[in-house]
N, C-alpha and C. Protein backbone atom coordinates (compact mmCIF):
# COMPACT_ATOMS: atom_id res chain seq x y z
N UNK A 1 -13.71 21.44 -19.60
CA UNK A 1 -13.42 20.13 -19.12
C UNK A 1 -11.93 20.03 -18.66
N UNK A 2 -11.01 20.59 -19.45
CA UNK A 2 -9.61 20.58 -19.09
C UNK A 2 -9.39 21.35 -17.78
N UNK A 3 -10.06 22.46 -17.65
CA UNK A 3 -9.92 23.25 -16.43
C UNK A 3 -10.41 22.49 -15.19
N UNK A 4 -11.53 21.73 -15.35
CA UNK A 4 -12.04 20.97 -14.21
C UNK A 4 -11.08 19.85 -13.83
N UNK A 5 -10.50 19.17 -14.80
CA UNK A 5 -9.55 18.11 -14.48
C UNK A 5 -8.28 18.67 -13.88
N UNK A 6 -7.86 19.89 -14.31
CA UNK A 6 -6.72 20.56 -13.72
C UNK A 6 -6.98 20.95 -12.26
N UNK A 7 -8.20 21.39 -11.97
CA UNK A 7 -8.59 21.71 -10.61
C UNK A 7 -8.60 20.48 -9.72
N UNK A 8 -9.13 19.38 -10.25
CA UNK A 8 -9.16 18.14 -9.53
C UNK A 8 -7.70 17.69 -9.20
N UNK A 9 -6.83 17.72 -10.21
CA UNK A 9 -5.44 17.30 -10.07
C UNK A 9 -4.72 18.14 -9.08
N UNK A 10 -4.99 19.43 -9.04
CA UNK A 10 -4.37 20.32 -8.07
C UNK A 10 -4.80 20.00 -6.65
N UNK A 11 -6.09 19.73 -6.51
CA UNK A 11 -6.59 19.35 -5.17
C UNK A 11 -6.01 18.04 -4.71
N UNK A 12 -5.89 17.11 -5.64
CA UNK A 12 -5.27 15.78 -5.28
C UNK A 12 -3.82 15.95 -4.82
N UNK A 13 -3.05 16.73 -5.55
CA UNK A 13 -1.68 16.99 -5.18
C UNK A 13 -1.55 17.70 -3.87
N UNK A 14 -2.49 18.66 -3.60
CA UNK A 14 -2.48 19.33 -2.32
C UNK A 14 -2.72 18.35 -1.17
N UNK A 15 -3.70 17.45 -1.37
CA UNK A 15 -3.93 16.44 -0.29
C UNK A 15 -2.73 15.54 -0.09
N UNK A 16 -2.03 15.20 -1.14
CA UNK A 16 -0.84 14.38 -0.97
C UNK A 16 0.22 15.12 -0.19
N UNK A 17 0.33 16.44 -0.39
CA UNK A 17 1.29 17.19 0.30
C UNK A 17 0.83 17.40 1.75
N UNK A 18 -0.47 17.64 1.98
CA UNK A 18 -0.94 17.89 3.28
C UNK A 18 -0.91 16.69 4.17
N UNK A 19 -1.29 15.53 3.66
CA UNK A 19 -1.34 14.29 4.42
C UNK A 19 -0.50 13.25 3.69
N UNK A 20 0.80 13.23 3.95
CA UNK A 20 1.71 12.30 3.22
C UNK A 20 1.56 10.88 3.70
N UNK A 21 2.13 9.93 2.93
CA UNK A 21 2.15 8.54 3.28
C UNK A 21 2.82 8.43 4.66
N UNK A 22 2.20 7.59 5.49
CA UNK A 22 2.79 7.34 6.82
C UNK A 22 2.63 5.88 7.17
N UNK A 23 3.68 5.30 7.73
CA UNK A 23 3.63 3.92 8.15
C UNK A 23 4.23 3.87 9.54
N UNK A 24 3.50 3.30 10.47
CA UNK A 24 4.01 3.08 11.86
C UNK A 24 3.90 1.61 12.18
N UNK A 25 5.01 1.08 12.68
CA UNK A 25 5.06 -0.33 13.10
C UNK A 25 5.50 -0.34 14.57
N UNK A 26 4.71 -0.93 15.44
CA UNK A 26 5.09 -0.90 16.85
C UNK A 26 4.49 -2.09 17.59
N UNK A 27 4.51 -2.01 18.90
CA UNK A 27 4.04 -3.14 19.71
C UNK A 27 2.53 -3.36 19.57
N UNK A 28 1.78 -2.39 19.16
CA UNK A 28 0.30 -2.56 18.99
C UNK A 28 -0.06 -3.16 17.64
N UNK A 29 0.80 -2.96 16.62
CA UNK A 29 0.54 -3.44 15.29
C UNK A 29 1.07 -2.56 14.27
N UNK A 30 0.41 -2.50 13.13
CA UNK A 30 0.82 -1.71 11.99
C UNK A 30 -0.25 -0.67 11.70
N UNK A 31 0.16 0.57 11.55
CA UNK A 31 -0.79 1.65 11.21
C UNK A 31 -0.26 2.33 9.97
N UNK A 32 -1.13 2.64 9.06
CA UNK A 32 -0.70 3.31 7.84
C UNK A 32 -1.74 4.29 7.37
N UNK A 33 -1.28 5.26 6.65
CA UNK A 33 -2.15 6.22 6.00
C UNK A 33 -1.55 6.45 4.63
N UNK A 34 -2.33 6.19 3.63
CA UNK A 34 -1.91 6.49 2.27
C UNK A 34 -2.19 7.98 2.06
N UNK A 35 -1.67 8.49 0.94
CA UNK A 35 -1.85 9.90 0.64
C UNK A 35 -3.29 10.34 0.67
N UNK A 36 -3.61 11.26 1.51
CA UNK A 36 -4.97 11.87 1.59
C UNK A 36 -6.02 10.94 2.12
N UNK A 37 -5.69 9.78 2.60
CA UNK A 37 -6.67 8.77 3.05
C UNK A 37 -6.72 8.80 4.58
N UNK A 38 -7.67 8.03 5.11
CA UNK A 38 -7.77 7.93 6.56
C UNK A 38 -6.79 6.92 7.07
N UNK A 39 -6.52 6.94 8.37
CA UNK A 39 -5.59 5.96 8.95
C UNK A 39 -6.19 4.60 9.03
N UNK A 40 -5.42 3.59 8.71
CA UNK A 40 -5.82 2.19 8.85
C UNK A 40 -4.92 1.56 9.87
N UNK A 41 -5.53 0.84 10.81
CA UNK A 41 -4.80 0.21 11.91
C UNK A 41 -5.02 -1.31 11.83
N UNK A 42 -3.91 -2.06 11.91
CA UNK A 42 -3.99 -3.49 11.90
C UNK A 42 -3.28 -3.98 13.19
N UNK A 43 -4.07 -4.48 14.14
CA UNK A 43 -3.52 -4.93 15.38
C UNK A 43 -2.81 -6.32 15.16
N UNK A 44 -1.83 -6.61 15.96
CA UNK A 44 -1.13 -7.87 15.78
C UNK A 44 -2.05 -9.08 15.93
N UNK A 45 -3.08 -8.97 16.77
CA UNK A 45 -4.02 -10.10 16.93
C UNK A 45 -4.90 -10.29 15.68
N UNK A 46 -4.87 -9.30 14.78
CA UNK A 46 -5.61 -9.47 13.49
C UNK A 46 -4.73 -10.04 12.37
N UNK A 47 -3.45 -10.15 12.62
CA UNK A 47 -2.52 -10.54 11.60
C UNK A 47 -1.98 -11.92 11.88
N UNK A 48 -2.14 -12.86 10.94
CA UNK A 48 -1.63 -14.22 11.08
C UNK A 48 -0.14 -14.24 10.72
N UNK A 49 0.20 -13.51 9.62
CA UNK A 49 1.59 -13.50 9.15
C UNK A 49 1.87 -12.16 8.44
N UNK A 50 3.15 -11.82 8.44
CA UNK A 50 3.56 -10.55 7.76
C UNK A 50 4.97 -10.84 7.20
N UNK A 51 5.21 -10.22 6.05
CA UNK A 51 6.53 -10.34 5.45
C UNK A 51 6.85 -9.10 4.61
N UNK A 52 8.07 -8.97 4.23
CA UNK A 52 8.53 -7.95 3.31
C UNK A 52 9.10 -8.71 2.12
N UNK A 53 8.40 -8.64 0.97
CA UNK A 53 8.83 -9.39 -0.20
C UNK A 53 8.03 -8.93 -1.42
N UNK A 54 8.26 -9.58 -2.57
CA UNK A 54 7.49 -9.22 -3.75
C UNK A 54 6.05 -9.66 -3.67
N UNK A 55 5.17 -8.96 -4.36
CA UNK A 55 3.78 -9.34 -4.33
C UNK A 55 3.62 -10.70 -5.02
N UNK A 56 2.74 -11.56 -4.47
CA UNK A 56 2.54 -12.90 -5.07
C UNK A 56 1.96 -12.79 -6.49
N UNK A 57 2.40 -13.73 -7.29
CA UNK A 57 1.87 -13.89 -8.65
C UNK A 57 2.07 -12.68 -9.56
N UNK A 58 3.09 -11.91 -9.28
CA UNK A 58 3.45 -10.79 -10.17
C UNK A 58 4.92 -10.97 -10.57
N UNK A 59 5.29 -10.36 -11.65
CA UNK A 59 6.65 -10.46 -12.13
C UNK A 59 7.52 -9.30 -11.62
N UNK A 60 6.90 -8.37 -10.88
CA UNK A 60 7.71 -7.25 -10.37
C UNK A 60 8.60 -7.73 -9.28
N UNK A 61 9.75 -7.04 -9.15
CA UNK A 61 10.74 -7.43 -8.13
C UNK A 61 10.79 -6.51 -6.92
N UNK A 62 9.93 -5.44 -6.96
CA UNK A 62 9.90 -4.48 -5.85
C UNK A 62 9.37 -5.16 -4.59
N UNK A 63 9.87 -4.75 -3.45
CA UNK A 63 9.41 -5.30 -2.17
C UNK A 63 8.19 -4.56 -1.67
N UNK A 64 7.29 -5.29 -1.05
CA UNK A 64 6.06 -4.78 -0.45
C UNK A 64 5.99 -5.28 0.95
N UNK A 65 5.24 -4.53 1.77
CA UNK A 65 4.86 -5.00 3.08
C UNK A 65 3.53 -5.78 2.91
N UNK A 66 3.64 -7.08 3.08
CA UNK A 66 2.49 -7.96 2.88
C UNK A 66 1.95 -8.53 4.23
N UNK A 67 0.66 -8.58 4.36
CA UNK A 67 0.04 -9.18 5.56
C UNK A 67 -0.99 -10.19 5.18
N UNK A 68 -1.13 -11.18 6.01
CA UNK A 68 -2.12 -12.22 5.93
C UNK A 68 -2.99 -12.11 7.20
N UNK A 69 -4.26 -11.79 7.07
CA UNK A 69 -5.08 -11.67 8.29
C UNK A 69 -5.41 -13.03 8.86
N UNK A 70 -5.75 -13.09 10.14
CA UNK A 70 -6.23 -14.32 10.74
C UNK A 70 -7.54 -14.73 10.07
N UNK A 71 -7.85 -16.00 10.06
CA UNK A 71 -9.06 -16.43 9.42
C UNK A 71 -10.31 -15.68 9.96
N UNK A 72 -11.16 -15.22 9.07
CA UNK A 72 -12.33 -14.50 9.45
C UNK A 72 -12.17 -13.00 9.54
N UNK A 73 -10.95 -12.50 9.51
CA UNK A 73 -10.65 -11.08 9.59
C UNK A 73 -10.57 -10.51 8.16
N UNK A 74 -11.18 -9.32 7.98
CA UNK A 74 -11.11 -8.68 6.69
C UNK A 74 -10.63 -7.26 6.90
N UNK A 75 -9.75 -6.81 6.00
CA UNK A 75 -9.24 -5.48 6.07
C UNK A 75 -9.95 -4.61 5.05
N UNK A 76 -10.03 -3.28 5.29
CA UNK A 76 -10.63 -2.35 4.40
C UNK A 76 -9.69 -1.95 3.27
N UNK A 77 -9.11 -2.94 2.62
CA UNK A 77 -8.18 -2.72 1.49
C UNK A 77 -8.53 -3.71 0.40
N UNK A 78 -8.11 -3.37 -0.84
CA UNK A 78 -8.34 -4.36 -1.89
C UNK A 78 -7.47 -5.62 -1.60
N UNK A 79 -8.04 -6.76 -1.79
CA UNK A 79 -7.32 -7.99 -1.55
C UNK A 79 -6.40 -8.19 -2.77
N UNK A 80 -5.12 -8.55 -2.45
CA UNK A 80 -4.18 -8.74 -3.50
C UNK A 80 -4.38 -10.09 -4.18
N UNK A 81 -4.22 -11.14 -3.48
CA UNK A 81 -4.32 -12.47 -4.04
C UNK A 81 -4.74 -13.44 -2.93
N UNK A 82 -5.05 -14.67 -3.36
CA UNK A 82 -5.25 -15.74 -2.41
C UNK A 82 -4.04 -16.63 -2.53
N UNK A 83 -3.27 -16.79 -1.47
CA UNK A 83 -2.06 -17.61 -1.48
C UNK A 83 -2.29 -18.77 -0.49
N UNK A 84 -2.23 -19.98 -1.05
CA UNK A 84 -2.45 -21.18 -0.21
C UNK A 84 -3.76 -21.11 0.54
N UNK A 85 -4.78 -20.54 -0.10
CA UNK A 85 -6.13 -20.45 0.52
C UNK A 85 -6.29 -19.28 1.48
N UNK A 86 -5.33 -18.42 1.62
CA UNK A 86 -5.41 -17.27 2.54
C UNK A 86 -5.34 -15.96 1.76
N UNK A 87 -6.16 -14.99 2.19
CA UNK A 87 -6.11 -13.69 1.54
C UNK A 87 -4.80 -12.96 1.95
N UNK A 88 -4.25 -12.30 0.94
CA UNK A 88 -2.99 -11.56 1.14
C UNK A 88 -3.26 -10.14 0.78
N UNK A 89 -2.79 -9.21 1.64
CA UNK A 89 -2.94 -7.77 1.40
C UNK A 89 -1.57 -7.14 1.21
N UNK A 90 -1.40 -6.42 0.15
CA UNK A 90 -0.14 -5.63 -0.07
C UNK A 90 -0.42 -4.24 0.52
N UNK A 91 0.23 -3.93 1.64
CA UNK A 91 -0.05 -2.64 2.28
C UNK A 91 0.63 -1.48 1.60
N UNK A 92 1.93 -1.59 1.34
CA UNK A 92 2.66 -0.46 0.73
C UNK A 92 3.92 -1.00 0.08
N UNK A 93 4.29 -0.37 -1.05
CA UNK A 93 5.56 -0.66 -1.65
C UNK A 93 6.67 -0.05 -0.83
N UNK A 94 7.63 -0.85 -0.41
CA UNK A 94 8.70 -0.38 0.46
C UNK A 94 9.49 0.74 -0.16
N UNK A 95 9.61 0.77 -1.46
CA UNK A 95 10.38 1.83 -2.12
C UNK A 95 9.74 3.19 -1.96
N UNK A 96 8.47 3.25 -1.65
CA UNK A 96 7.79 4.56 -1.43
C UNK A 96 8.12 5.18 -0.08
N UNK A 97 8.71 4.43 0.80
CA UNK A 97 8.99 4.93 2.17
C UNK A 97 10.34 5.51 2.28
N UNK A 98 10.51 6.41 3.25
CA UNK A 98 11.86 6.89 3.63
C UNK A 98 12.55 5.80 4.42
N UNK A 99 13.78 5.57 4.10
CA UNK A 99 14.52 4.53 4.81
C UNK A 99 13.98 3.15 4.56
N UNK A 100 13.88 2.76 3.27
CA UNK A 100 13.24 1.43 3.00
C UNK A 100 14.02 0.28 3.57
N UNK A 101 15.31 0.41 3.80
CA UNK A 101 16.09 -0.69 4.37
C UNK A 101 15.78 -0.93 5.82
N UNK A 102 15.06 0.00 6.47
CA UNK A 102 14.74 -0.16 7.91
C UNK A 102 13.42 -0.93 8.15
N UNK A 103 12.64 -1.06 7.08
CA UNK A 103 11.29 -1.63 7.24
C UNK A 103 11.36 -3.11 7.68
N UNK A 104 12.12 -3.93 6.96
CA UNK A 104 12.18 -5.37 7.26
C UNK A 104 12.68 -5.69 8.70
N UNK A 105 13.78 -5.04 9.19
CA UNK A 105 14.20 -5.35 10.57
C UNK A 105 13.14 -4.93 11.62
N UNK A 106 12.47 -3.80 11.38
CA UNK A 106 11.48 -3.35 12.32
C UNK A 106 10.27 -4.27 12.32
N UNK A 107 9.81 -4.66 11.14
CA UNK A 107 8.65 -5.58 11.06
C UNK A 107 9.05 -6.92 11.75
N UNK A 108 10.26 -7.41 11.48
CA UNK A 108 10.67 -8.68 12.06
C UNK A 108 10.74 -8.56 13.60
N UNK A 109 11.20 -7.47 14.11
CA UNK A 109 11.29 -7.27 15.55
C UNK A 109 9.89 -7.26 16.22
N UNK A 110 8.98 -6.48 15.70
CA UNK A 110 7.70 -6.38 16.33
C UNK A 110 6.73 -7.49 16.01
N UNK A 111 6.85 -8.10 14.85
CA UNK A 111 5.94 -9.20 14.47
C UNK A 111 6.33 -10.49 15.17
N UNK A 112 7.60 -10.61 15.54
CA UNK A 112 8.12 -11.81 16.21
C UNK A 112 7.81 -13.09 15.46
N UNK A 113 6.99 -13.91 16.03
CA UNK A 113 6.65 -15.24 15.40
C UNK A 113 5.73 -15.10 14.18
N UNK A 114 5.13 -13.96 13.98
CA UNK A 114 4.27 -13.75 12.86
C UNK A 114 5.06 -13.45 11.57
N UNK A 115 6.33 -13.09 11.74
CA UNK A 115 7.12 -12.75 10.55
C UNK A 115 7.40 -14.02 9.76
N UNK A 116 7.13 -13.99 8.47
CA UNK A 116 7.37 -15.10 7.59
C UNK A 116 8.44 -14.74 6.58
N UNK A 117 9.35 -15.64 6.33
CA UNK A 117 10.37 -15.37 5.26
C UNK A 117 9.71 -15.32 3.93
N UNK A 118 10.09 -14.36 3.08
CA UNK A 118 9.48 -14.24 1.75
C UNK A 118 9.78 -15.51 0.93
N UNK A 119 8.80 -15.88 0.10
CA UNK A 119 8.95 -17.06 -0.75
C UNK A 119 9.80 -16.78 -1.95
């Protein structure tokens, strides 16, 4: 049993090394890939609001990239919370990214009117 879990853990670490976390923010929207997962693409027309701030209803102070989809849109991610009647998705903890200080200005630039100041 220990050998099997060691083999699984080694495979998981290899996938993390082979396909690292990636986040792209541009004129088309936000694209991300978590370790070893498939790419997820969120077009700007699917996003009602986006911000860089702490996750809602948690005591943690770490910053996250948070998105609120337009009504009727659902993302293939676990829903974080419902804030003011809207689903909120925490895409990635900013501290996990290289150059975390660059995330907020880039999101603000490309999101334009969709960028919301953190609460």
